[in-house]
Amino acid sequence: MFGLFKKKKKNAPSREQIIAQATQNARKAREEIGDENLQKMAAALKRLEDPAQQSEGKQAQDKIKKMDKGHVADNLKIILEEDK
């Protein structure tokens, strides 16, 4: 009656199909971008990760992230009180 109790079809791809599709997409993207451009992009990413190449703001962010949370909170409270 109206198809309420019919079995539903599964159209989900298998794990192997997903991996094959992802591999094919990566291969196609690599061909479109070109090997030279990929190497330039990889070099640029390595420079971003190098602390010597980072901006002073980024270096300060990294230092703050490594500091003790309580110490950072205390310093922020002091700064906020000074601004009043």
PDB file of N, CA and C in Angstrom:
ATOM      1  N   MET A   1       0.820  -1.168   0.000  1.00  0.00           N
ATOM      2  CA  MET A   1       0.000   0.000   0.000  1.00  0.00           C
ATOM      3  C   MET A   1       0.876   1.247   0.000  1.00  0.00           C
ATOM      4  N   PHE A   2       0.855   2.001  -1.030  1.00  0.00           N
ATOM      5  CA  PHE A   2       1.576   3.260  -1.216  1.00  0.00           C
ATOM      6  C   PHE A   2       3.093   3.132  -1.058  1.00  0.00           C
ATOM      7  N   GLY A   3       3.597   1.969  -1.002  1.00  0.00           N
ATOM      8  CA  GLY A   3       5.036   1.775  -0.929  1.00  0.00           C
ATOM      9  C   GLY A   3       5.664   2.100   0.420  1.00  0.00           C
ATOM     10  N   LEU A   4       4.902   2.141   1.473  1.00  0.00           N
ATOM     11  CA  LEU A   4       5.456   2.479   2.774  1.00  0.00           C
ATOM     12  C   LEU A   4       6.324   1.366   3.359  1.00  0.00           C
ATOM     13  N   PHE A   5       6.022   0.139   3.007  1.00  0.00           N
ATOM     14  CA  PHE A   5       6.721  -0.978   3.613  1.00  0.00           C
ATOM     15  C   PHE A   5       7.694  -1.664   2.668  1.00  0.00           C
ATOM     16  N   LYS A   6       7.990  -1.009   1.566  1.00  0.00           N
ATOM     17  CA  LYS A   6       8.957  -1.586   0.628  1.00  0.00           C
ATOM     18  C   LYS A   6      10.370  -1.377   1.159  1.00  0.00           C
ATOM     19  N   LYS A   7      11.259  -2.268   0.763  1.00  0.00           N
ATOM     20  CA  LYS A   7      12.654  -2.132   1.153  1.00  0.00           C
ATOM     21  C   LYS A   7      13.275  -0.970   0.383  1.00  0.00           C
ATOM     22  N   LYS A   8      14.082  -0.202   1.096  1.00  0.00           N
ATOM     23  CA  LYS A   8      14.741   0.935   0.470  1.00  0.00           C
ATOM     24  C   LYS A   8      16.048   0.466  -0.151  1.00  0.00           C
ATOM     25  N   LYS A   9      16.373   1.051  -1.290  1.00  0.00           N
ATOM     26  CA  LYS A   9      17.605   0.693  -1.982  1.00  0.00           C
ATOM     27  C   LYS A   9      18.761   1.493  -1.409  1.00  0.00           C
ATOM     28  N   LYS A  10      19.898   0.831  -1.291  1.00  0.00           N
ATOM     29  CA  LYS A  10      21.109   1.509  -0.835  1.00  0.00           C
ATOM     30  C   LYS A  10      21.937   1.877  -2.054  1.00  0.00           C
ATOM     31  N   ASN A  11      22.248   3.144  -2.170  1.00  0.00           N
ATOM     32  CA  ASN A  11      23.069   3.616  -3.283  1.00  0.00           C
ATOM     33  C   ASN A  11      24.422   4.129  -2.805  1.00  0.00           C
ATOM     34  N   ALA A  12      24.767   3.852  -1.572  1.00  0.00           N
ATOM     35  CA  ALA A  12      26.035   4.327  -1.020  1.00  0.00           C
ATOM     36  C   ALA A  12      27.184   3.549  -1.654  1.00  0.00           C
ATOM     37  N   PRO A  13      28.225   4.268  -2.086  1.00  0.00           N
ATOM     38  CA  PRO A  13      29.381   3.571  -2.682  1.00  0.00           C
ATOM     39  C   PRO A  13      30.182   2.837  -1.619  1.00  0.00           C
ATOM     40  N   SER A  14      30.876   1.804  -2.032  1.00  0.00           N
ATOM     41  CA  SER A  14      31.695   1.032  -1.100  1.00  0.00           C
ATOM     42  C   SER A  14      32.981   1.799  -0.794  1.00  0.00           C
ATOM     43  N   ARG A  15      33.692   1.318   0.183  1.00  0.00           N
ATOM     44  CA  ARG A  15      34.952   1.961   0.584  1.00  0.00           C
ATOM     45  C   ARG A  15      35.940   1.959  -0.576  1.00  0.00           C
ATOM     46  N   GLU A  16      36.033   0.870  -1.282  1.00  0.00           N
ATOM     47  CA  GLU A  16      36.955   0.749  -2.409  1.00  0.00           C
ATOM     48  C   GLU A  16      36.596   1.736  -3.513  1.00  0.00           C
ATOM     49  N   GLN A  17      35.289   1.903  -3.747  1.00  0.00           N
ATOM     50  CA  GLN A  17      34.862   2.854  -4.777  1.00  0.00           C
ATOM     51  C   GLN A  17      35.216   4.284  -4.382  1.00  0.00           C
ATOM     52  N   ILE A  18      35.061   4.608  -3.115  1.00  0.00           N
ATOM     53  CA  ILE A  18      35.406   5.951  -2.636  1.00  0.00           C
ATOM     54  C   ILE A  18      36.901   6.206  -2.786  1.00  0.00           C
ATOM     55  N   ILE A  19      37.714   5.218  -2.411  1.00  0.00           N
ATOM     56  CA  ILE A  19      39.169   5.355  -2.532  1.00  0.00           C
ATOM     57  C   ILE A  19      39.575   5.501  -3.989  1.00  0.00           C
ATOM     58  N   ALA A  20      38.978   4.709  -4.867  1.00  0.00           N
ATOM     59  CA  ALA A  20      39.299   4.790  -6.291  1.00  0.00           C
ATOM     60  C   ALA A  20      38.924   6.160  -6.851  1.00  0.00           C
ATOM     61  N   GLN A  21      37.762   6.672  -6.449  1.00  0.00           N
ATOM     62  CA  GLN A  21      37.321   7.987  -6.922  1.00  0.00           C
ATOM     63  C   GLN A  21      38.250   9.087  -6.410  1.00  0.00           C
ATOM     64  N   ALA A  22      38.653   8.991  -5.143  1.00  0.00           N
ATOM     65  CA  ALA A  22      39.547   9.994  -4.565  1.00  0.00           C
ATOM     66  C   ALA A  22      40.910   9.973  -5.259  1.00  0.00           C
ATOM     67  N   THR A  23      41.411   8.777  -5.543  1.00  0.00           N
ATOM     68  CA  THR A  23      42.683   8.647  -6.243  1.00  0.00           C
ATOM     69  C   THR A  23      42.594   9.248  -7.641  1.00  0.00           C
ATOM     70  N   GLN A  24      41.505   8.964  -8.322  1.00  0.00           N
ATOM     71  CA  GLN A  24      41.303   9.505  -9.667  1.00  0.00           C
ATOM     72  C   GLN A  24      41.208  11.034  -9.617  1.00  0.00           C
ATOM     73  N   ASN A  25      40.497  11.582  -8.642  1.00  0.00           N
ATOM     74  CA  ASN A  25      40.382  13.038  -8.504  1.00  0.00           C
ATOM     75  C   ASN A  25      41.736  13.682  -8.225  1.00  0.00           C
ATOM     76  N   ALA A  26      42.537  13.050  -7.357  1.00  0.00           N
ATOM     77  CA  ALA A  26      43.859  13.587  -7.036  1.00  0.00           C
ATOM     78  C   ALA A  26      44.761  13.554  -8.261  1.00  0.00           C
ATOM     79  N   ARG A  27      44.709  12.480  -9.013  1.00  0.00           N
ATOM     80  CA  ARG A  27      45.522  12.354 -10.229  1.00  0.00           C
ATOM     81  C   ARG A  27      45.127  13.435 -11.242  1.00  0.00           C
ATOM     82  N   LYS A  28      43.838  13.642 -11.406  1.00  0.00           N
ATOM     83  CA  LYS A  28      43.345  14.653 -12.351  1.00  0.00           C
ATOM     84  C   LYS A  28      43.772  16.058 -11.913  1.00  0.00           C
ATOM     85  N   ALA A  29      43.652  16.354 -10.605  1.00  0.00           N
ATOM     86  CA  ALA A  29      44.046  17.667 -10.093  1.00  0.00           C
ATOM     87  C   ALA A  29      45.543  17.888 -10.268  1.00  0.00           C
ATOM     88  N   ARG A  30      46.333  16.854 -10.022  1.00  0.00           N
ATOM     89  CA  ARG A  30      47.787  16.957 -10.177  1.00  0.00           C
ATOM     90  C   ARG A  30      48.152  17.252 -11.622  1.00  0.00           C
ATOM     91  N   GLU A  31      47.454  16.629 -12.566  1.00  0.00           N
ATOM     92  CA  GLU A  31      47.712  16.880 -13.985  1.00  0.00           C
ATOM     93  C   GLU A  31      47.342  18.307 -14.360  1.00  0.00           C
ATOM     94  N   GLU A  32      46.201  18.798 -13.843  1.00  0.00           N
ATOM     95  CA  GLU A  32      45.744  20.142 -14.173  1.00  0.00           C
ATOM     96  C   GLU A  32      46.656  21.214 -13.589  1.00  0.00           C
ATOM     97  N   ILE A  33      47.113  21.008 -12.356  1.00  0.00           N
ATOM     98  CA  ILE A  33      47.947  21.998 -11.688  1.00  0.00           C
ATOM     99  C   ILE A  33      49.361  21.991 -12.261  1.00  0.00           C
ATOM    100  N   GLY A  34      49.872  20.835 -12.496  1.00  0.00           N
ATOM    101  CA  GLY A  34      51.226  20.717 -13.021  1.00  0.00           C
ATOM    102  C   GLY A  34      52.221  20.476 -11.906  1.00  0.00           C
ATOM    103  N   ASP A  35      53.259  19.730 -12.221  1.00  0.00           N
ATOM    104  CA  ASP A  35      54.254  19.335 -11.227  1.00  0.00           C
ATOM    105  C   ASP A  35      55.038  20.538 -10.711  1.00  0.00           C
ATOM    106  N   GLU A  36      55.357  21.471 -11.591  1.00  0.00           N
ATOM    107  CA  GLU A  36      56.133  22.645 -11.186  1.00  0.00           C
ATOM    108  C   GLU A  36      55.358  23.493 -10.170  1.00  0.00           C
ATOM    109  N   ASN A  37      54.088  23.709 -10.444  1.00  0.00           N
ATOM    110  CA  ASN A  37      53.265  24.496  -9.522  1.00  0.00           C
ATOM    111  C   ASN A  37      53.092  23.785  -8.180  1.00  0.00           C
ATOM    112  N   LEU A  38      52.965  22.455  -8.213  1.00  0.00           N
ATOM    113  CA  LEU A  38      52.849  21.703  -6.958  1.00  0.00           C
ATOM    114  C   LEU A  38      54.101  21.872  -6.104  1.00  0.00           C
ATOM    115  N   GLN A  39      55.258  21.849  -6.739  1.00  0.00           N
ATOM    116  CA  GLN A  39      56.507  22.008  -5.994  1.00  0.00           C
ATOM    117  C   GLN A  39      56.632  23.423  -5.433  1.00  0.00           C
ATOM    118  N   LYS A  40      56.161  24.426  -6.186  1.00  0.00           N
ATOM    119  CA  LYS A  40      56.175  25.806  -5.684  1.00  0.00           C
ATOM    120  C   LYS A  40      55.261  25.944  -4.466  1.00  0.00           C
ATOM    121  N   MET A  41      54.088  25.327  -4.557  1.00  0.00           N
ATOM    122  CA  MET A  41      53.143  25.396  -3.442  1.00  0.00           C
ATOM    123  C   MET A  41      53.699  24.679  -2.210  1.00  0.00           C
ATOM    124  N   ALA A  42      54.355  23.538  -2.405  1.00  0.00           N
ATOM    125  CA  ALA A  42      54.939  22.796  -1.291  1.00  0.00           C
ATOM    126  C   ALA A  42      56.040  23.622  -0.624  1.00  0.00           C
ATOM    127  N   ALA A  43      56.855  24.303  -1.419  1.00  0.00           N
ATOM    128  CA  ALA A  43      57.916  25.147  -0.874  1.00  0.00           C
ATOM    129  C   ALA A  43      57.324  26.315  -0.084  1.00  0.00           C
ATOM    130  N   ALA A  44      56.236  26.900  -0.593  1.00  0.00           N
ATOM    131  CA  ALA A  44      55.587  28.014   0.106  1.00  0.00           C
ATOM    132  C   ALA A  44      55.012  27.543   1.452  1.00  0.00           C
ATOM    133  N   LEU A  45      54.434  26.355   1.485  1.00  0.00           N
ATOM    134  CA  LEU A  45      53.902  25.818   2.739  1.00  0.00           C
ATOM    135  C   LEU A  45      55.015  25.557   3.750  1.00  0.00           C
ATOM    136  N   LYS A  46      56.150  25.079   3.283  1.00  0.00           N
ATOM    137  CA  LYS A  46      57.280  24.839   4.189  1.00  0.00           C
ATOM    138  C   LYS A  46      57.786  26.154   4.770  1.00  0.00           C
ATOM    139  N   ARG A  47      57.795  27.223   3.941  1.00  0.00           N
ATOM    140  CA  ARG A  47      58.223  28.531   4.443  1.00  0.00           C
ATOM    141  C   ARG A  47      57.263  29.051   5.510  1.00  0.00           C
ATOM    142  N   LEU A  48      55.967  28.780   5.339  1.00  0.00           N
ATOM    143  CA  LEU A  48      54.984  29.220   6.331  1.00  0.00           C
ATOM    144  C   LEU A  48      55.204  28.544   7.677  1.00  0.00           C
ATOM    145  N   GLU A  49      55.662  27.299   7.650  1.00  0.00           N
ATOM    146  CA  GLU A  49      55.874  26.553   8.881  1.00  0.00           C
ATOM    147  C   GLU A  49      57.200  26.894   9.551  1.00  0.00           C
ATOM    148  N   ASP A  50      58.119  27.515   8.818  1.00  0.00           N
ATOM    149  CA  ASP A  50      59.435  27.868   9.346  1.00  0.00           C
ATOM    150  C   ASP A  50      59.305  29.076  10.270  1.00  0.00           C
ATOM    151  N   PRO A  51      59.670  28.948  11.559  1.00  0.00           N
ATOM    152  CA  PRO A  51      59.528  30.069  12.497  1.00  0.00           C
ATOM    153  C   PRO A  51      60.327  31.302  12.092  1.00  0.00           C
ATOM    154  N   ALA A  52      61.435  31.125  11.406  1.00  0.00           N
ATOM    155  CA  ALA A  52      62.256  32.260  10.999  1.00  0.00           C
ATOM    156  C   ALA A  52      61.554  33.096   9.925  1.00  0.00           C
ATOM    157  N   GLN A  53      60.644  32.503   9.170  1.00  0.00           N
ATOM    158  CA  GLN A  53      59.956  33.190   8.086  1.00  0.00           C
ATOM    159  C   GLN A  53      58.612  33.788   8.510  1.00  0.00           C
ATOM    160  N   GLN A  54      58.194  33.540   9.743  1.00  0.00           N
ATOM    161  CA  GLN A  54      56.891  33.992  10.193  1.00  0.00           C
ATOM    162  C   GLN A  54      56.933  35.455  10.617  1.00  0.00           C
ATOM    163  N   SER A  55      55.789  36.102  10.535  1.00  0.00           N
ATOM    164  CA  SER A  55      55.688  37.489  10.968  1.00  0.00           C
ATOM    165  C   SER A  55      55.800  37.571  12.487  1.00  0.00           C
ATOM    166  N   GLU A  56      56.051  38.777  12.976  1.00  0.00           N
ATOM    167  CA  GLU A  56      56.168  38.943  14.421  1.00  0.00           C
ATOM    168  C   GLU A  56      54.843  38.643  15.114  1.00  0.00           C
ATOM    169  N   GLY A  57      53.736  38.986  14.464  1.00  0.00           N
ATOM    170  CA  GLY A  57      52.422  38.700  15.036  1.00  0.00           C
ATOM    171  C   GLY A  57      52.188  37.209  15.188  1.00  0.00           C
ATOM    172  N   LYS A  58      52.571  36.436  14.170  1.00  0.00           N
ATOM    173  CA  LYS A  58      52.411  34.986  14.219  1.00  0.00           C
ATOM    174  C   LYS A  58      53.312  34.390  15.290  1.00  0.00           C
ATOM    175  N   GLN A  59      54.532  34.917  15.412  1.00  0.00           N
ATOM    176  CA  GLN A  59      55.440  34.432  16.445  1.00  0.00           C
ATOM    177  C   GLN A  59      54.879  34.718  17.838  1.00  0.00           C
ATOM    178  N   ALA A  60      54.274  35.898  18.011  1.00  0.00           N
ATOM    179  CA  ALA A  60      53.677  36.244  19.298  1.00  0.00           C
ATOM    180  C   ALA A  60      52.502  35.319  19.614  1.00  0.00           C
ATOM    181  N   GLN A  61      51.677  35.016  18.601  1.00  0.00           N
ATOM    182  CA  GLN A  61      50.560  34.088  18.809  1.00  0.00           C
ATOM    183  C   GLN A  61      51.070  32.730  19.268  1.00  0.00           C
ATOM    184  N   ASP A  62      52.116  32.244  18.636  1.00  0.00           N
ATOM    185  CA  ASP A  62      52.669  30.940  19.000  1.00  0.00           C
ATOM    186  C   ASP A  62      53.198  30.947  20.438  1.00  0.00           C
ATOM    187  N   LYS A  63      53.854  32.052  20.830  1.00  0.00           N
ATOM    188  CA  LYS A  63      54.367  32.148  22.202  1.00  0.00           C
ATOM    189  C   LYS A  63      53.223  32.132  23.208  1.00  0.00           C
ATOM    190  N   ILE A  64      52.159  32.873  22.904  1.00  0.00           N
ATOM    191  CA  ILE A  64      51.016  32.933  23.814  1.00  0.00           C
ATOM    192  C   ILE A  64      50.352  31.566  23.935  1.00  0.00           C
ATOM    193  N   LYS A  65      50.242  30.842  22.822  1.00  0.00           N
ATOM    194  CA  LYS A  65      49.634  29.507  22.858  1.00  0.00           C
ATOM    195  C   LYS A  65      50.435  28.542  23.722  1.00  0.00           C
ATOM    196  N   LYS A  66      51.754  28.741  23.771  1.00  0.00           N
ATOM    197  CA  LYS A  66      52.617  27.845  24.540  1.00  0.00           C
ATOM    198  C   LYS A  66      52.653  28.210  26.025  1.00  0.00           C
ATOM    199  N   MET A  67      52.223  29.430  26.352  1.00  0.00           N
ATOM    200  CA  MET A  67      52.262  29.890  27.744  1.00  0.00           C
ATOM    201  C   MET A  67      51.171  29.218  28.569  1.00  0.00           C
ATOM    202  N   ASP A  68      51.354  29.304  29.890  1.00  0.00           N
ATOM    203  CA  ASP A  68      50.379  28.796  30.846  1.00  0.00           C
ATOM    204  C   ASP A  68      49.097  29.622  30.740  1.00  0.00           C
ATOM    205  N   LYS A  69      47.961  28.964  30.664  1.00  0.00           N
ATOM    206  CA  LYS A  69      46.664  29.641  30.486  1.00  0.00           C
ATOM    207  C   LYS A  69      46.370  30.612  31.629  1.00  0.00           C
ATOM    208  N   GLY A  70      46.690  30.236  32.848  1.00  0.00           N
ATOM    209  CA  GLY A  70      46.457  31.100  33.997  1.00  0.00           C
ATOM    210  C   GLY A  70      47.294  32.364  33.934  1.00  0.00           C
ATOM    211  N   HIS A  71      48.534  32.218  33.503  1.00  0.00           N
ATOM    212  CA  HIS A  71      49.443  33.361  33.372  1.00  0.00           C
ATOM    213  C   HIS A  71      48.918  34.337  32.323  1.00  0.00           C
ATOM    214  N   VAL A  72      48.455  33.820  31.202  1.00  0.00           N
ATOM    215  CA  VAL A  72      47.900  34.664  30.142  1.00  0.00           C
ATOM    216  C   VAL A  72      46.646  35.377  30.651  1.00  0.00           C
ATOM    217  N   ALA A  73      45.794  34.665  31.353  1.00  0.00           N
ATOM    218  CA  ALA A  73      44.560  35.263  31.874  1.00  0.00           C
ATOM    219  C   ALA A  73      44.878  36.378  32.872  1.00  0.00           C
ATOM    220  N   ASP A  74      45.858  36.153  33.736  1.00  0.00           N
ATOM    221  CA  ASP A  74      46.240  37.185  34.709  1.00  0.00           C
ATOM    222  C   ASP A  74      46.748  38.443  34.008  1.00  0.00           C
ATOM    223  N   ASN A  75      47.569  38.266  32.989  1.00  0.00           N
ATOM    224  CA  ASN A  75      48.090  39.418  32.250  1.00  0.00           C
ATOM    225  C   ASN A  75      46.978  40.163  31.521  1.00  0.00           C
ATOM    226  N   LEU A  76      46.027  39.447  30.968  1.00  0.00           N
ATOM    227  CA  LEU A  76      44.910  40.106  30.292  1.00  0.00           C
ATOM    228  C   LEU A  76      44.058  40.902  31.275  1.00  0.00           C
ATOM    229  N   LYS A  77      43.848  40.358  32.476  1.00  0.00           N
ATOM    230  CA  LYS A  77      43.087  41.082  33.502  1.00  0.00           C
ATOM    231  C   LYS A  77      43.799  42.379  33.881  1.00  0.00           C
ATOM    232  N   ILE A  78      45.111  42.319  34.022  1.00  0.00           N
ATOM    233  CA  ILE A  78      45.890  43.514  34.364  1.00  0.00           C
ATOM    234  C   ILE A  78      45.755  44.574  33.271  1.00  0.00           C
ATOM    235  N   ILE A  79      45.858  44.147  32.025  1.00  0.00           N
ATOM    236  CA  ILE A  79      45.740  45.078  30.899  1.00  0.00           C
ATOM    237  C   ILE A  79      44.356  45.714  30.862  1.00  0.00           C
ATOM    238  N   LEU A  80      43.317  44.930  31.080  1.00  0.00           N
ATOM    239  CA  LEU A  80      41.969  45.459  31.066  1.00  0.00           C
ATOM    240  C   LEU A  80      41.731  46.442  32.205  1.00  0.00           C
ATOM    241  N   GLU A  81      42.319  46.180  33.361  1.00  0.00           N
ATOM    242  CA  GLU A  81      42.164  47.083  34.503  1.00  0.00           C
ATOM    243  C   GLU A  81      42.895  48.391  34.258  1.00  0.00           C
ATOM    244  N   GLU A  82      44.034  48.344  33.561  1.00  0.00           N
ATOM    245  CA  GLU A  82      44.795  49.551  33.257  1.00  0.00           C
ATOM    246  C   GLU A  82      44.049  50.453  32.282  1.00  0.00           C
ATOM    247  N   ASP A  83      43.249  49.869  31.409  1.00  0.00           N
ATOM    248  CA  ASP A  83      42.512  50.641  30.405  1.00  0.00           C
ATOM    249  C   ASP A  83      41.332  51.412  30.996  1.00  0.00           C
ATOM    250  N   LYS A  84      40.902  51.064  32.196  1.00  0.00           N
ATOM    251  CA  LYS A  84      39.733  51.732  32.804  1.00  0.00           C
ATOM    252  C   LYS A  84      40.057  53.115  33.274  1.00  0.00           C
TER     253      LYS A  84
END
